[in-house]
């Protein structure tokens, strides 16, 4: 008994000294966070200025490019029909062409330098935000630790466990955000970026055709250019919708899922069904977004990996929870292999769904057997019967 009391007293003394050290360190971390935030604000102002200057430079380049194209036509005509132009007129056209060429080169160089400066500022701002976020997180964590250390050892043990859960949830959220960024970057690179690169090549070909007097062939090319641009625009609209489905704020979760399934069926030919159980009610935006993203990811998996011909989504509203089920009639999977993929950390789609559910205090289940289809079930608790992140 004496040994146990001595051990407890020693631990309490250690906690007191730790508290003193944390109090001294918290003020220093707070100063770092405040300085980083101030520098972020200053850098944002500079970045906005550079962005405005770059937009003006881009406009200047476009204007000069159009002017140069027009004067180049005049220059070609004066060379071709030289007997119809006086020497003074030919000299004026040539000098104007040289002036515009020089101005265009200078404008392009200014645009390039502004782009480099903008990229550097964006990288600096990202680093500053990271430092500020880490410092603020440390201040918060230190404050929580000080609060926990004020209580007795039993209370501290329970609260530390709660803090660990919240820390895990925060890490899941960050990992989900990183997964989303990587996916969007891949979608942009494989879609619109490739289309725009092809568009540039076709524009150069069209320009050469026009310069060599093959106007009819150049005119035929415009149809191809229009189709490429329309395809890139369609891809960009889809990516923008994936980033922020605007109908979610305006129409709510039920209609947004309905519209998504209708579009999915129209684009892919797969049959879709939607079942609503319970009475729909508006929830917190982050919760509705999480449910919609889980539906998106599960449906995409069914299309890409399960060879499904039917996707059925069931959304159920209850007093204390909301659940969504995405079922398909595809090739199914082995439950053990899914768990191994989750543990490996390499299957971004599964991790993304799981992190969205976990951050909101919910759970995600994968059900299925080889040859018998698959089902993803997400269940998220509600606070006092209303939507919101579980605190």
Protein backbone atom coordinates (compact mmCIF):
# COMPACT_ATOMS: atom_id res chain seq x y z
CA UNK A 1 0.00 0.00 0.00
CA UNK A 2 2.82 2.41 0.92
CA UNK A 3 4.56 1.63 -2.34
CA UNK A 4 1.32 2.34 -4.30
CA UNK A 5 0.81 5.71 -2.53
CA UNK A 6 4.40 6.67 -3.15
CA UNK A 7 4.03 5.81 -6.82
CA UNK A 8 0.88 7.94 -7.13
CA UNK A 9 2.49 10.91 -5.36
CA UNK A 10 5.54 10.67 -7.61
CA UNK A 11 3.33 10.66 -10.67
CA UNK A 12 1.43 13.71 -9.42
CA UNK A 13 4.71 15.57 -8.87
CA UNK A 14 5.76 14.74 -12.42
CA UNK A 15 2.43 16.01 -13.71
CA UNK A 16 2.83 19.31 -11.82
CA UNK A 17 6.27 19.90 -13.30
CA UNK A 18 4.93 18.98 -16.73
CA UNK A 19 2.10 21.49 -16.30
CA UNK A 20 4.56 24.29 -15.50
CA UNK A 21 6.65 23.47 -18.56
CA UNK A 22 3.55 23.34 -20.77
CA UNK A 23 2.34 26.74 -19.51
CA UNK A 24 5.69 28.30 -20.39
CA UNK A 25 5.77 26.68 -23.80
CA UNK A 26 2.18 27.53 -24.70
CA UNK A 27 2.83 31.28 -24.74
CA UNK A 28 5.84 30.80 -27.01
CA UNK A 29 3.89 28.58 -29.42
CA UNK A 30 1.07 31.14 -29.44
CA UNK A 31 3.53 33.85 -30.50
CA UNK A 32 4.75 31.65 -33.34
CA UNK A 33 1.16 31.01 -34.46
CA UNK A 34 0.30 34.70 -34.35
CA UNK A 35 3.41 35.71 -36.30
CA UNK A 36 2.76 33.03 -38.93
CA UNK A 37 -0.85 34.16 -39.28
CA UNK A 38 0.22 37.78 -39.75
CA UNK A 39 2.72 36.74 -42.40
CA UNK A 40 -0.02 34.69 -44.11
CA UNK A 41 -2.22 37.78 -44.28
CA UNK A 42 0.59 39.89 -45.73
CA UNK A 43 1.49 37.23 -48.29
CA UNK A 44 -2.16 36.86 -49.32
CA UNK A 45 -2.34 40.59 -50.06
CA UNK A 46 0.82 40.43 -52.17
CA UNK A 47 -0.46 37.30 -53.94
CA UNK A 48 -3.75 39.02 -54.82
CA UNK A 49 -1.81 41.96 -56.26
CA UNK A 50 0.40 39.67 -58.33
CA UNK A 51 -2.65 37.69 -59.46
CA UNK A 52 -4.33 40.90 -60.66
CA UNK A 53 -1.17 41.97 -62.48
CA UNK A 54 -0.88 38.54 -64.08
CA UNK A 55 -4.51 38.66 -65.27
CA UNK A 56 -3.81 42.05 -66.84
CA UNK A 57 -0.63 40.67 -68.43
CA UNK A 58 -2.59 37.76 -69.88
CA UNK A 59 -5.15 40.19 -71.28
CA UNK A 60 -2.32 42.27 -72.78
CA UNK A 61 -0.79 39.19 -74.41
CA UNK A 62 -4.14 38.18 -75.88
CA UNK A 63 -4.76 41.70 -77.21
CA UNK A 64 -1.27 41.98 -78.70
CA UNK A 65 -1.59 38.50 -80.20
CA UNK A 66 -4.78 39.54 -81.99
CA UNK A 67 -3.19 42.77 -83.16
CA UNK A 68 -0.11 40.95 -84.37
CA UNK A 69 -2.26 38.48 -86.30
CA UNK A 70 -4.04 41.36 -88.04
CA UNK A 71 -0.85 43.29 -88.87
CA UNK A 72 0.76 40.09 -90.09
CA UNK A 73 -2.07 39.73 -92.60
CA UNK A 74 -1.43 43.31 -93.76
CA UNK A 75 2.28 42.52 -94.00
CA UNK A 76 1.61 39.43 -96.12
CA UNK A 77 -0.67 41.43 -98.42
CA UNK A 78 1.85 44.22 -98.84
CA UNK A 79 4.51 41.67 -99.80
CA UNK A 80 2.20 39.82 -102.13
CA UNK A 81 0.63 42.89 -103.79
CA UNK A 82 3.63 45.17 -103.41
CA UNK A 83 2.77 47.21 -106.52
CA UNK A 84 -0.49 48.34 -104.85
CA UNK A 85 1.32 49.82 -101.83
CA UNK A 86 3.57 52.84 -101.70
CA UNK A 87 6.96 52.57 -100.05
CA UNK A 88 5.70 54.71 -97.19
CA UNK A 89 2.77 52.38 -96.59
CA UNK A 90 4.94 49.28 -96.71
CA UNK A 91 7.43 50.87 -94.31
CA UNK A 92 4.60 51.86 -91.94
CA UNK A 93 3.18 48.34 -91.91
CA UNK A 94 6.60 46.80 -91.33
CA UNK A 95 7.43 49.19 -88.49
CA UNK A 96 4.06 48.64 -86.85
CA UNK A 97 4.54 44.87 -87.11
CA UNK A 98 7.96 45.14 -85.47
CA UNK A 99 6.57 47.32 -82.67
CA UNK A 100 3.73 44.90 -81.94
CA UNK A 101 6.14 41.94 -82.11
CA UNK A 102 8.44 43.58 -79.57
CA UNK A 103 5.53 44.55 -77.32
CA UNK A 104 4.14 41.00 -77.52
CA UNK A 105 7.50 39.48 -76.59
CA UNK A 106 7.79 41.87 -73.63
CA UNK A 107 4.21 41.10 -72.52
CA UNK A 108 4.84 37.35 -72.69
CA UNK A 109 8.01 37.72 -70.64
CA UNK A 110 6.14 39.80 -68.06
CA UNK A 111 3.42 37.17 -67.90
CA UNK A 112 6.02 34.43 -67.42
CA UNK A 113 7.77 36.31 -64.61
CA UNK A 114 4.46 37.05 -62.90
CA UNK A 115 3.52 33.38 -63.12
CA UNK A 116 6.82 32.39 -61.52
CA UNK A 117 6.32 34.95 -58.77
CA UNK A 118 2.73 33.82 -58.22
CA UNK A 119 3.81 30.16 -57.97
CA UNK A 120 6.53 31.06 -55.47
CA UNK A 121 4.08 33.10 -53.39
CA UNK A 122 1.57 30.26 -53.42
CA UNK A 123 4.23 27.83 -52.21
CA UNK A 124 5.32 30.27 -49.51
CA UNK A 125 1.71 30.84 -48.44
CA UNK A 126 1.08 27.10 -48.26
CA UNK A 127 4.11 26.65 -46.01
CA UNK A 128 3.07 29.57 -43.80
CA UNK A 129 -0.44 28.19 -43.48
CA UNK A 130 0.99 24.82 -42.57
CA UNK A 131 3.17 26.41 -39.88
CA UNK A 132 0.27 28.48 -38.55
CA UNK A 133 -2.05 25.46 -38.51
CA UNK A 134 0.50 23.30 -36.71
CA UNK A 135 1.22 26.03 -34.18
CA UNK A 136 -2.49 26.61 -33.53
CA UNK A 137 -3.01 22.88 -33.21
CA UNK A 138 -0.15 22.70 -30.71
CA UNK A 139 -1.60 25.59 -28.70
CA UNK A 140 -4.95 23.80 -28.62
CA UNK A 141 -3.39 20.49 -27.67
CA UNK A 142 -1.27 22.08 -24.97
CA UNK A 143 -4.35 23.84 -23.59
CA UNK A 144 -6.22 20.54 -23.56
CA UNK A 145 -3.31 18.86 -21.83
CA UNK A 146 -3.22 21.60 -19.16
CA UNK A 147 -6.93 21.15 -18.57
CA UNK A 148 -6.54 17.42 -18.25
CA UNK A 149 -3.62 17.76 -15.88
CA UNK A 150 -5.75 19.93 -13.55
CA UNK A 151 -8.01 17.00 -12.70
CA UNK A 152 -7.25 13.77 -10.91
CA UNK A 153 -5.51 10.87 -12.55
CA UNK A 154 -8.70 8.98 -13.37
CA UNK A 155 -10.27 11.98 -15.11
CA UNK A 156 -7.05 12.63 -16.98
CA UNK A 157 -6.94 9.04 -18.22
CA UNK A 158 -10.48 9.25 -19.59
CA UNK A 159 -9.90 12.64 -21.19
CA UNK A 160 -6.64 11.56 -22.78
CA UNK A 161 -8.49 8.68 -24.38
CA UNK A 162 -11.06 11.14 -25.76
CA UNK A 163 -8.28 13.41 -27.04
CA UNK A 164 -6.68 10.44 -28.79
CA UNK A 165 -9.97 9.68 -30.54
CA UNK A 166 -10.32 13.31 -31.67
CA UNK A 167 -6.71 13.32 -32.86
CA UNK A 168 -7.34 10.19 -34.90
CA UNK A 169 -10.45 11.78 -36.38
CA UNK A 170 -8.45 14.86 -37.33
CA UNK A 171 -5.80 12.71 -38.99
CA UNK A 172 -8.50 10.83 -40.90
CA UNK A 173 -9.93 14.14 -42.12
CA UNK A 174 -6.52 15.35 -43.32
CA UNK A 175 -5.88 12.06 -45.06
CA UNK A 176 -9.28 12.24 -46.74
CA UNK A 177 -8.55 15.77 -47.95
CA UNK A 178 -5.20 14.66 -49.36
CA UNK A 179 -6.86 11.73 -51.14
CA UNK A 180 -9.43 14.12 -52.64
CA UNK A 181 -6.69 16.49 -53.86
CA UNK A 182 -4.78 13.64 -55.53
CA UNK A 183 -7.92 12.42 -57.24
CA UNK A 184 -8.83 15.87 -58.55
CA UNK A 185 -5.25 16.40 -59.76
CA UNK A 186 -5.40 13.10 -61.63
CA UNK A 187 -8.79 13.95 -63.13
CA UNK A 188 -7.52 17.34 -64.32
CA UNK A 189 -4.32 15.86 -65.76
CA UNK A 190 -5.99 12.97 -67.57
CA UNK A 191 -8.93 15.02 -68.86
CA UNK A 192 -8.92 18.78 -69.47
CA UNK A 193 -5.13 19.17 -69.44
CA UNK A 194 -4.72 16.55 -72.16
CA UNK A 195 -7.58 18.08 -74.17
CA UNK A 196 -6.07 21.55 -73.89
CA UNK A 197 -2.64 20.27 -74.95
CA UNK A 198 -4.26 18.67 -77.99
CA UNK A 199 -6.13 21.92 -78.62
CA UNK A 200 -2.88 23.89 -78.64
CA UNK A 201 -1.36 21.51 -81.19
CA UNK A 202 -4.42 21.78 -83.43
CA UNK A 203 -4.39 25.56 -83.13
CA UNK A 204 -0.76 25.65 -84.27
CA UNK A 205 -1.65 23.44 -87.25
CA UNK A 206 -4.60 25.70 -88.10
CA UNK A 207 -2.39 28.76 -87.80
CA UNK A 208 0.18 27.29 -90.22
CA UNK A 209 -2.55 26.39 -92.69
CA UNK A 210 -3.87 29.94 -92.56
CA UNK A 211 -0.39 31.45 -92.93
CA UNK A 212 0.31 29.39 -96.02
CA UNK A 213 -2.89 30.55 -97.68
CA UNK A 214 -4.84 27.30 -97.14
CA UNK A 215 -7.81 29.12 -95.62
CA UNK A 216 -10.37 26.48 -96.60
CA UNK A 217 -8.46 23.72 -94.75
CA UNK A 218 -7.96 26.04 -91.78
CA UNK A 219 -11.69 26.72 -91.70
CA UNK A 220 -12.42 22.98 -91.65
CA UNK A 221 -10.16 22.66 -88.61
CA UNK A 222 -12.35 24.99 -86.55
CA UNK A 223 -14.97 22.26 -86.15
CA UNK A 224 -12.35 19.99 -84.56
CA UNK A 225 -11.15 22.81 -82.32
CA UNK A 226 -14.71 23.48 -81.17
CA UNK A 227 -15.31 19.83 -80.30
CA UNK A 228 -12.07 19.62 -78.31
CA UNK A 229 -12.92 22.79 -76.39
CA UNK A 230 -16.46 21.55 -75.70
CA UNK A 231 -15.08 18.25 -74.39
CA UNK A 232 -12.66 20.05 -72.07
CA UNK A 233 -15.48 22.28 -70.83
CA UNK A 234 -17.67 19.25 -70.10
CA UNK A 235 -14.84 17.58 -68.15
CA UNK A 236 -14.20 20.76 -66.18
CA UNK A 237 -17.89 21.13 -65.33
CA UNK A 238 -17.93 17.54 -64.10
CA UNK A 239 -14.83 18.07 -61.97
CA UNK A 240 -16.24 21.32 -60.56
CA UNK A 241 -19.45 19.47 -59.70
CA UNK A 242 -17.43 16.73 -58.00
CA UNK A 243 -15.58 19.36 -55.97
CA UNK A 244 -18.73 21.20 -54.95
CA UNK A 245 -22.15 19.86 -55.99
CA UNK A 246 -24.08 23.13 -55.86
CA UNK A 247 -27.42 21.33 -55.87
CA UNK A 248 -26.61 19.98 -52.41
CA UNK A 249 -27.04 23.42 -50.84
CA UNK A 250 -30.07 24.33 -52.93
CA UNK A 251 -32.03 21.08 -53.30
CA UNK A 252 -30.87 18.95 -50.40
CA UNK A 253 -29.35 15.50 -50.11
CA UNK A 254 -32.25 13.43 -51.52
CA UNK A 255 -32.65 15.32 -54.81
CA UNK A 256 -28.88 15.63 -55.25
CA UNK A 257 -28.43 11.84 -54.95
CA UNK A 258 -31.41 11.32 -57.27
CA UNK A 259 -29.92 13.66 -59.89
CA UNK A 260 -26.51 12.05 -59.55
CA UNK A 261 -27.92 8.55 -60.13
CA UNK A 262 -29.97 9.74 -63.12
CA UNK A 263 -26.86 11.31 -64.70
CA UNK A 264 -24.81 8.21 -63.91
CA UNK A 265 -27.37 6.00 -65.62
CA UNK A 266 -27.53 8.29 -68.66
CA UNK A 267 -23.73 8.40 -69.01
CA UNK A 268 -22.91 4.73 -68.38
CA UNK A 269 -26.10 2.78 -69.20
CA UNK A 270 -26.12 1.09 -65.78
CA UNK A 271 -29.52 0.79 -64.06
CA UNK A 272 -29.89 2.83 -60.86
CA UNK A 273 -32.48 2.84 -58.09
CA UNK A 274 -33.00 5.14 -55.15
CA UNK A 275 -34.94 4.28 -51.98
CA UNK A 276 -35.77 6.82 -49.27
CA UNK A 277 -36.75 5.61 -45.79
CA UNK A 278 -37.96 8.06 -43.18
CA UNK A 279 -38.66 11.76 -43.56
CA UNK A 280 -35.95 13.88 -45.18
CA UNK A 281 -34.66 16.83 -43.14
CA UNK A 282 -31.77 19.20 -43.69
CA UNK A 283 -28.59 18.33 -41.83
CA UNK A 284 -25.30 20.12 -41.31
CA UNK A 285 -23.58 20.82 -44.67
CA UNK A 286 -20.46 18.80 -43.83
CA UNK A 287 -22.58 15.78 -42.94
CA UNK A 288 -24.68 15.95 -46.11
CA UNK A 289 -21.50 16.35 -48.14
CA UNK A 290 -19.92 13.31 -46.46
CA UNK A 291 -22.96 11.12 -47.21
CA UNK A 292 -23.05 12.28 -50.84
CA UNK A 293 -19.30 11.63 -51.29
CA UNK A 294 -19.69 8.12 -49.87
CA UNK A 295 -22.46 7.44 -52.41
CA UNK A 296 -20.27 8.81 -55.21
CA UNK A 297 -17.24 6.74 -54.23
CA UNK A 298 -19.19 3.52 -53.71
CA UNK A 299 -20.99 3.94 -57.05
CA UNK A 300 -17.69 4.65 -58.84
CA UNK A 301 -16.17 1.51 -57.31
CA UNK A 302 -19.16 -0.54 -58.47
CA UNK A 303 -18.68 0.75 -62.03
CA UNK A 304 -14.90 0.48 -62.19
CA UNK A 305 -14.22 -2.74 -60.30
CA UNK A 306 -17.46 -4.72 -59.86
CA UNK A 307 -18.76 -4.73 -63.47
CA UNK A 308 -22.17 -3.89 -62.05
CA UNK A 309 -25.35 -3.54 -64.14
CA UNK A 310 -27.48 -2.28 -61.23
CA UNK A 311 -26.65 0.17 -58.44
CA UNK A 312 -29.20 0.71 -55.67
CA UNK A 313 -28.87 3.47 -53.06
CA UNK A 314 -30.96 3.41 -49.88
CA UNK A 315 -30.98 6.52 -47.67
CA UNK A 316 -32.60 6.22 -44.24
CA UNK A 317 -33.33 9.05 -41.80
CA UNK A 318 -33.77 8.13 -38.15
CA UNK A 319 -34.03 10.22 -35.01
CA UNK A 320 -30.48 9.55 -33.82
CA UNK A 321 -28.70 8.55 -37.00
CA UNK A 322 -28.62 8.62 -40.77
CA UNK A 323 -27.52 5.67 -42.85
CA UNK A 324 -26.83 5.15 -46.53
CA UNK A 325 -26.45 1.85 -48.33
CA UNK A 326 -24.98 1.41 -51.82
CA UNK A 327 -25.62 -2.07 -53.23
CA UNK A 328 -24.59 -3.49 -56.62
CA UNK A 329 -25.07 -6.77 -58.50
CA UNK A 330 -21.44 -7.00 -59.62
CA UNK A 331 -18.78 -9.63 -59.17
CA UNK A 332 -18.56 -9.07 -55.41
CA UNK A 333 -15.43 -9.33 -53.30
CA UNK A 334 -13.82 -11.14 -50.43
CA UNK A 335 -14.35 -9.23 -47.16
CA UNK A 336 -10.90 -10.19 -45.92
CA UNK A 337 -9.22 -8.70 -49.01
CA UNK A 338 -11.07 -5.40 -48.44
CA UNK A 339 -9.75 -5.20 -44.89
CA UNK A 340 -6.23 -5.89 -46.15
CA UNK A 341 -6.56 -3.07 -48.69
CA UNK A 342 -7.69 -0.70 -45.93
CA UNK A 343 -4.75 -1.66 -43.74
CA UNK A 344 -2.29 -1.24 -46.60
CA UNK A 345 -3.33 2.43 -46.95
CA UNK A 346 -3.05 2.27 -50.74
CA UNK A 347 -6.70 1.96 -51.74
CA UNK A 348 -7.62 5.64 -51.70
CA UNK A 349 -11.30 5.17 -52.53
CA UNK A 350 -11.99 2.84 -49.60
CA UNK A 351 -9.91 4.99 -47.25
CA UNK A 352 -11.73 8.10 -48.37
CA UNK A 353 -15.15 6.63 -47.56
CA UNK A 354 -13.95 5.30 -44.24
CA UNK A 355 -12.34 8.58 -43.19
CA UNK A 356 -15.49 10.57 -44.03
CA UNK A 357 -17.60 8.31 -41.82
CA UNK A 358 -15.05 8.16 -38.99
CA UNK A 359 -14.54 11.92 -38.81
CA UNK A 360 -18.25 12.33 -38.05
CA UNK A 361 -18.21 9.59 -35.42
CA UNK A 362 -19.80 7.05 -37.75
CA UNK A 363 -18.90 3.65 -39.13
CA UNK A 364 -18.50 2.04 -42.54
CA UNK A 365 -19.14 -1.61 -43.39
CA UNK A 366 -18.22 -3.56 -46.52
CA UNK A 367 -20.43 -6.58 -47.18
CA UNK A 368 -20.14 -8.97 -50.07
CA UNK A 369 -19.12 -12.35 -51.44
CA UNK A 370 -17.45 -13.32 -54.70
CA UNK A 371 -20.10 -13.57 -57.41
CA UNK A 372 -22.90 -12.20 -55.21
CA UNK A 373 -22.54 -8.45 -55.49
CA UNK A 374 -21.45 -6.03 -52.80
CA UNK A 375 -22.86 -3.50 -50.35
CA UNK A 376 -21.36 -0.48 -48.63
CA UNK A 377 -23.20 0.68 -45.51
CA UNK A 378 -22.36 3.95 -43.75
CA UNK A 379 -24.02 4.89 -40.47
CA UNK A 380 -23.49 8.34 -38.94
CA UNK A 381 -24.92 9.44 -35.56
CA UNK A 382 -26.86 12.69 -35.24
CA UNK A 383 -26.61 15.10 -32.31
CA UNK A 384 -30.00 15.61 -30.58
CA UNK A 385 -31.69 14.34 -33.70
CA UNK A 386 -30.09 17.04 -35.85
CA UNK A 387 -27.22 16.94 -38.27
CA UNK A 388 -23.81 17.92 -37.04
CA UNK A 389 -20.34 16.73 -36.30
CA UNK A 390 -20.17 14.63 -33.18
CA UNK A 391 -18.19 16.60 -30.59
